Amino acid sequence: MLSNLVVTNQKVVLIIDELNRERIAPKFIGSLLHEQGQGTDTIKALPTGVSLKHVATFESLIDECANHNNNNTPAGEVGDVDAVTPGSKSTGFNVILPTLADLLCYQSPAFIFGFLNRLRRSEHVRRVFLWASPHHLQHPHAAYILAGCEYLAKLVLRLETDKLLSIISRKPGGGVTNRRFSCQVSKTQFLVTPVDGGLPAGVSPKQPSPEAEQTPEPASSTFKIELDEDEVVARNALTLPYERTSEPSEGNIIYTPDADDDFDEEDPDEDLCI
């Protein structure tokens, strides 16, 4: 299911909608949370419309999350949001923001980035969801604003077509994964399958049997190492230049004296007083 890939320990989730379906944003995000066991009482959403013009609307959301956790959570548990796994009871809230196009109608990009960063740092917020449709962003610097949101997000879900989506996930250690999936929507769930032919999310691949591991795969190269019978006969009949063609015979040393050689048979030490 898609919720297995989106509702994770990543705190800020940005959904980039290339299909211009902003009207389904709250319902779509809510269904992902419900599939992972997040109840309605764990979801907070900002109101839409003219109320976004007032800073108090944003401050009220942060105060509500903080006060609710302080009144209902035992001491020592608040802030331990990283240890909570998807599907379990969380001490933080899942905050669903209005679409980026709506936010830009009433607030400046600097205020939006600041508020998003406050939610990201809040110990009372479990996850933050922001929906953005590039074609609906009526702002002269829309591309830069969207890039800034991607920078703050830890997980970016891009709905490319009706049957194709991609997910970029940033890990705490600095690693980044970028995967593409084909999607299929049924009445009860949203199924995704890796484009590379892998299994759907949540399904572990089968382990290969030992017999399959020991069976060598056929070579794809045209280079041949083995020799057939005719080639073996031709190789044995070949005489290389450095090979001897006859048995070695007994050798004799023949020495021809030189004109300067001294063959005096007298004792060379005769004149010495020994």
Protein backbone atom coordinates (compact mmCIF):
# COMPACT_ATOMS: atom_id res chain seq x y z
CA MET A 1 0.00 0.00 0.00
CA LEU A 2 1.08 3.55 -0.61
CA SER A 3 0.62 4.43 3.06
CA ASN A 4 3.51 2.06 3.94
CA LEU A 5 5.83 4.32 1.95
CA VAL A 6 4.43 7.73 2.94
CA VAL A 7 3.43 7.39 6.61
CA THR A 8 6.89 6.72 8.06
CA ASN A 9 9.21 8.31 10.62
CA GLN A 10 9.89 11.16 8.16
CA LYS A 11 8.44 14.25 9.77
CA VAL A 12 7.78 16.61 6.85
CA VAL A 13 6.00 15.12 3.83
CA LEU A 14 5.53 17.15 0.65
CA ILE A 15 3.11 15.90 -1.99
CA ILE A 16 3.71 17.43 -5.43
CA ASP A 17 0.58 16.95 -7.52
CA GLU A 18 1.13 17.13 -11.27
CA LEU A 19 -2.51 16.07 -11.84
CA ASN A 20 -4.12 19.20 -10.31
CA ARG A 21 -6.25 17.33 -7.80
CA GLU A 22 -6.01 19.68 -4.84
CA ARG A 23 -9.67 19.17 -3.95
CA ILE A 24 -8.95 15.60 -2.79
CA ALA A 25 -5.85 16.56 -0.75
CA PRO A 26 -7.35 16.35 2.80
CA LYS A 27 -9.23 13.14 2.07
CA PHE A 28 -6.23 11.55 0.36
CA ILE A 29 -3.84 12.34 3.23
CA GLY A 30 -6.41 11.31 5.82
CA SER A 31 -6.92 7.94 4.18
CA LEU A 32 -3.15 7.28 4.24
CA LEU A 33 -3.04 8.04 7.95
CA HIS A 34 -6.07 5.89 8.76
CA GLU A 35 -4.55 2.93 6.90
CA GLN A 36 -1.58 3.12 9.27
CA GLY A 37 -3.74 3.20 12.39
CA GLN A 38 -3.65 6.95 13.00
CA GLY A 39 -7.00 7.91 14.50
CA THR A 40 -8.94 11.09 13.93
CA ASP A 41 -7.87 12.37 17.35
CA THR A 42 -4.24 12.42 16.16
CA ILE A 43 -4.95 14.65 13.14
CA LYS A 44 -4.93 18.43 13.22
CA ALA A 45 -5.68 20.65 10.22
CA LEU A 46 -5.53 24.39 9.63
CA PRO A 47 -8.78 26.02 8.50
CA THR A 48 -8.89 27.29 4.95
CA GLY A 49 -10.09 30.54 3.52
CA VAL A 50 -9.77 34.08 4.88
CA SER A 51 -8.74 32.84 8.34
CA LEU A 52 -5.30 32.08 6.91
CA LYS A 53 -4.75 35.82 6.68
CA HIS A 54 -4.43 36.06 10.46
CA VAL A 55 -1.25 34.99 12.21
CA ALA A 56 -3.34 33.95 15.21
CA THR A 57 -4.71 31.04 13.17
CA PHE A 58 -1.26 29.54 12.87
CA GLU A 59 -0.30 30.25 16.46
CA SER A 60 -3.52 28.63 17.64
CA LEU A 61 -2.60 25.35 15.95
CA ILE A 62 0.83 25.20 17.61
CA ASP A 63 -0.62 26.06 21.02
CA GLU A 64 -3.38 23.47 20.65
CA CYS A 65 -0.87 20.71 19.88
CA ALA A 66 1.35 21.69 22.81
CA ASN A 67 -1.47 22.06 25.35
CA HIS A 68 -3.16 18.81 24.36
CA ASN A 69 0.03 16.81 24.77
CA ASN A 70 0.92 18.45 28.08
CA ASN A 71 -2.52 17.65 29.51
CA ASN A 72 -2.78 14.05 28.28
CA THR A 73 0.75 12.69 28.13
CA PRO A 74 2.68 11.45 31.21
CA ALA A 75 5.88 13.24 32.03
CA GLY A 76 8.88 12.00 30.13
CA GLU A 77 6.95 10.81 27.08
CA VAL A 78 6.52 14.08 25.24
CA GLY A 79 9.12 14.56 22.55
CA ASP A 80 10.00 10.91 22.16
CA VAL A 81 8.40 10.87 18.71
CA ASP A 82 11.28 9.25 16.86
CA ALA A 83 10.81 6.02 18.81
CA VAL A 84 7.17 5.67 17.73
CA THR A 85 6.61 3.31 14.84
CA PRO A 86 3.88 3.78 12.21
CA GLY A 87 0.60 2.30 13.33
CA SER A 88 1.29 2.70 17.06
CA LYS A 89 -0.15 5.29 19.43
CA SER A 90 1.81 8.49 18.95
CA THR A 91 2.35 11.34 21.40
CA GLY A 92 2.47 13.86 18.54
CA PHE A 93 -0.08 15.09 16.04
CA ASN A 94 -0.30 14.61 12.30
CA VAL A 95 -0.73 18.14 10.94
CA ILE A 96 -2.39 18.58 7.54
CA LEU A 97 -1.68 22.03 6.12
CA PRO A 98 -3.79 23.78 3.48
CA THR A 99 -2.45 23.53 -0.05
CA LEU A 100 0.58 25.65 -0.86
CA ALA A 101 -1.51 27.66 -3.34
CA ASP A 102 -3.97 28.61 -0.56
CA LEU A 103 -1.18 29.56 1.83
CA LEU A 104 0.43 31.84 -0.75
CA CYS A 105 -2.85 33.68 -1.23
CA TYR A 106 -2.70 35.03 2.32
CA GLN A 107 0.86 34.77 3.59
CA SER A 108 4.36 35.53 2.31
CA PRO A 109 6.81 32.76 1.39
CA ALA A 110 9.04 33.77 4.32
CA PHE A 111 6.19 33.31 6.81
CA ILE A 112 5.24 29.95 5.30
CA PHE A 113 8.83 28.67 5.50
CA GLY A 114 9.13 29.91 9.08
CA PHE A 115 5.89 28.23 10.15
CA LEU A 116 6.83 24.99 8.41
CA ASN A 117 10.18 25.04 10.16
CA ARG A 118 8.49 25.59 13.55
CA LEU A 119 6.30 22.56 12.97
CA ARG A 120 9.33 20.54 11.92
CA ARG A 121 11.12 21.40 15.18
CA SER A 122 8.12 20.99 17.46
CA GLU A 123 8.24 18.00 19.78
CA HIS A 124 4.43 17.92 19.81
CA VAL A 125 4.11 17.34 16.05
CA ARG A 126 4.55 13.83 14.68
CA ARG A 127 4.20 14.53 10.95
CA VAL A 128 3.45 17.49 8.69
CA PHE A 129 1.75 17.11 5.30
CA LEU A 130 1.82 19.81 2.63
CA TRP A 131 0.14 19.51 -0.79
CA ALA A 132 1.40 21.51 -3.77
CA SER A 133 0.13 21.64 -7.36
CA PRO A 134 2.72 23.47 -9.49
CA HIS A 135 0.11 24.59 -12.04
CA HIS A 136 -1.96 26.31 -9.29
CA LEU A 137 0.89 28.34 -7.80
CA GLN A 138 0.12 31.91 -8.83
CA HIS A 139 3.34 33.53 -7.68
CA PRO A 140 6.22 35.08 -9.66
CA HIS A 141 8.73 32.95 -7.73
CA ALA A 142 6.66 29.78 -7.57
CA ALA A 143 9.52 27.53 -8.73
CA TYR A 144 11.85 28.80 -5.98
CA ILE A 145 9.14 28.48 -3.33
CA LEU A 146 8.43 24.90 -4.31
CA ALA A 147 12.16 24.14 -4.28
CA GLY A 148 12.36 25.57 -0.76
CA CYS A 149 9.55 23.30 0.39
CA GLU A 150 11.34 20.33 -1.11
CA TYR A 151 14.46 21.31 0.82
CA LEU A 152 12.57 21.34 4.13
CA ALA A 153 10.73 18.10 3.41
CA LYS A 154 12.17 14.74 4.42
CA LEU A 155 9.90 12.81 2.05
CA VAL A 156 8.63 14.04 -1.33
CA LEU A 157 5.81 12.17 -3.05
CA ARG A 158 5.33 13.25 -6.67
CA LEU A 159 2.13 12.20 -8.43
CA GLU A 160 3.34 12.24 -12.02
CA THR A 161 0.47 10.55 -13.88
CA ASP A 162 -2.59 8.46 -13.06
CA LYS A 163 -0.40 5.35 -13.07
CA LEU A 164 3.04 6.60 -12.11
CA LEU A 165 4.53 8.24 -9.02
CA SER A 166 7.95 8.76 -7.45
CA ILE A 167 9.15 9.00 -3.85
CA ILE A 168 12.30 10.74 -2.62
CA SER A 169 13.21 9.96 0.98
CA ARG A 170 16.00 11.55 3.01
CA LYS A 171 17.46 9.56 5.87
CA PRO A 172 18.91 11.07 9.08
CA GLY A 173 22.41 9.93 8.12
CA GLY A 174 22.30 11.90 4.88
CA GLY A 175 21.36 9.09 2.50
CA VAL A 176 18.75 9.71 -0.19
CA THR A 177 16.57 7.16 -1.97
CA ASN A 178 14.69 7.92 -5.17
CA ARG A 179 12.25 5.29 -6.44
CA ARG A 180 9.48 5.24 -9.02
CA PHE A 181 6.31 3.18 -8.77
CA SER A 182 3.39 2.24 -10.93
CA CYS A 183 0.12 2.65 -9.07
CA GLN A 184 -3.27 0.99 -9.18
CA VAL A 185 -6.29 2.30 -7.26
CA SER A 186 -8.90 -0.17 -6.03
CA LYS A 187 -12.01 0.39 -3.91
CA THR A 188 -10.20 -0.42 -0.69
CA GLN A 189 -6.53 0.43 -1.17
CA PHE A 190 -3.87 2.16 -3.23
CA LEU A 191 -1.43 -0.45 -4.56
CA VAL A 192 2.03 0.50 -5.77
CA THR A 193 4.64 -1.61 -7.56
CA PRO A 194 8.26 -0.60 -8.27
CA VAL A 195 8.79 0.27 -11.90
CA ASP A 196 11.88 -1.98 -12.04
CA GLY A 197 9.62 -5.02 -11.79
CA GLY A 198 9.89 -5.56 -8.03
CA LEU A 199 7.14 -6.67 -5.70
CA PRO A 200 4.54 -4.34 -4.20
CA ALA A 201 5.50 -2.45 -1.06
CA GLY A 202 5.25 -4.59 2.07
CA VAL A 203 5.81 -7.89 0.23
CA SER A 204 9.16 -9.56 0.83
CA PRO A 205 10.78 -11.32 -2.15
CA LYS A 206 11.23 -15.10 -2.11
CA GLN A 207 14.68 -16.40 -1.25
CA PRO A 208 16.35 -18.39 -4.06
CA SER A 209 16.88 -22.10 -3.40
CA PRO A 210 20.43 -23.51 -2.98
CA GLU A 211 20.04 -25.48 -6.23
CA ALA A 212 19.27 -22.28 -8.10
CA GLU A 213 22.33 -20.58 -6.62
CA GLN A 214 24.63 -23.45 -7.65
CA THR A 215 23.36 -23.60 -11.23
CA PRO A 216 25.68 -21.48 -13.39
CA GLU A 217 24.03 -19.03 -15.71
CA PRO A 218 24.76 -19.39 -19.42
CA ALA A 219 27.55 -17.16 -20.58
CA SER A 220 26.45 -14.22 -22.64
CA SER A 221 29.86 -13.78 -24.30
CA THR A 222 30.82 -15.32 -27.67
CA PHE A 223 34.40 -16.04 -26.49
CA LYS A 224 35.02 -19.84 -26.38
CA ILE A 225 37.58 -21.47 -24.10
CA GLU A 226 36.94 -25.18 -24.78
CA LEU A 227 38.56 -27.05 -27.75
CA ASP A 228 36.83 -29.65 -29.82
CA GLU A 229 38.54 -32.90 -30.96
CA ASP A 230 39.90 -31.58 -34.27
CA GLU A 231 41.38 -28.53 -32.57
CA VAL A 232 43.15 -30.71 -29.98
CA VAL A 233 44.77 -32.82 -32.74
CA ALA A 234 45.91 -29.71 -34.61
CA ARG A 235 47.37 -28.23 -31.43
CA ASN A 236 49.38 -31.39 -30.63
CA ALA A 237 50.75 -31.59 -34.17
CA LEU A 238 52.04 -28.05 -34.09
CA THR A 239 55.80 -27.65 -33.49
CA LEU A 240 56.82 -24.34 -32.05
CA PRO A 241 60.15 -22.70 -33.04
CA TYR A 242 61.73 -23.09 -29.60
CA GLU A 243 61.00 -26.80 -29.33
CA ARG A 244 63.89 -29.28 -30.02
CA THR A 245 63.32 -31.52 -33.06
CA SER A 246 66.00 -34.21 -32.20
CA GLU A 247 67.62 -35.85 -29.21
CA PRO A 248 70.79 -34.05 -28.02
CA SER A 249 74.10 -35.88 -28.83
CA GLU A 250 77.23 -36.16 -26.66
CA GLY A 251 79.27 -33.00 -27.10
CA ASN A 252 83.15 -32.59 -27.47
CA ILE A 253 85.09 -29.43 -26.73
CA ILE A 254 87.37 -28.42 -29.67
CA TYR A 255 89.91 -25.71 -28.86
CA THR A 256 92.11 -23.96 -31.43
CA PRO A 257 95.22 -22.34 -29.86
CA ASP A 258 95.81 -18.69 -30.42
CA ALA A 259 99.16 -17.24 -31.65
CA ASP A 260 99.75 -15.45 -28.37
CA ASP A 261 99.16 -18.49 -26.20
CA ASP A 262 102.21 -19.52 -24.08
CA PHE A 263 102.55 -23.25 -23.75
CA ASP A 264 106.02 -23.31 -22.08
CA GLU A 265 106.26 -26.66 -20.33
CA GLU A 266 109.01 -25.51 -17.99
CA ASP A 267 108.25 -24.81 -14.39
CA PRO A 268 107.02 -21.20 -14.26
CA ASP A 269 108.32 -20.93 -10.70
CA GLU A 270 111.84 -22.18 -11.43
CA ASP A 271 113.46 -18.76 -11.12
CA LEU A 272 111.95 -18.19 -7.70
CA CYS A 273 113.95 -18.90 -4.60
CA ILE A 274 111.51 -21.16 -2.94
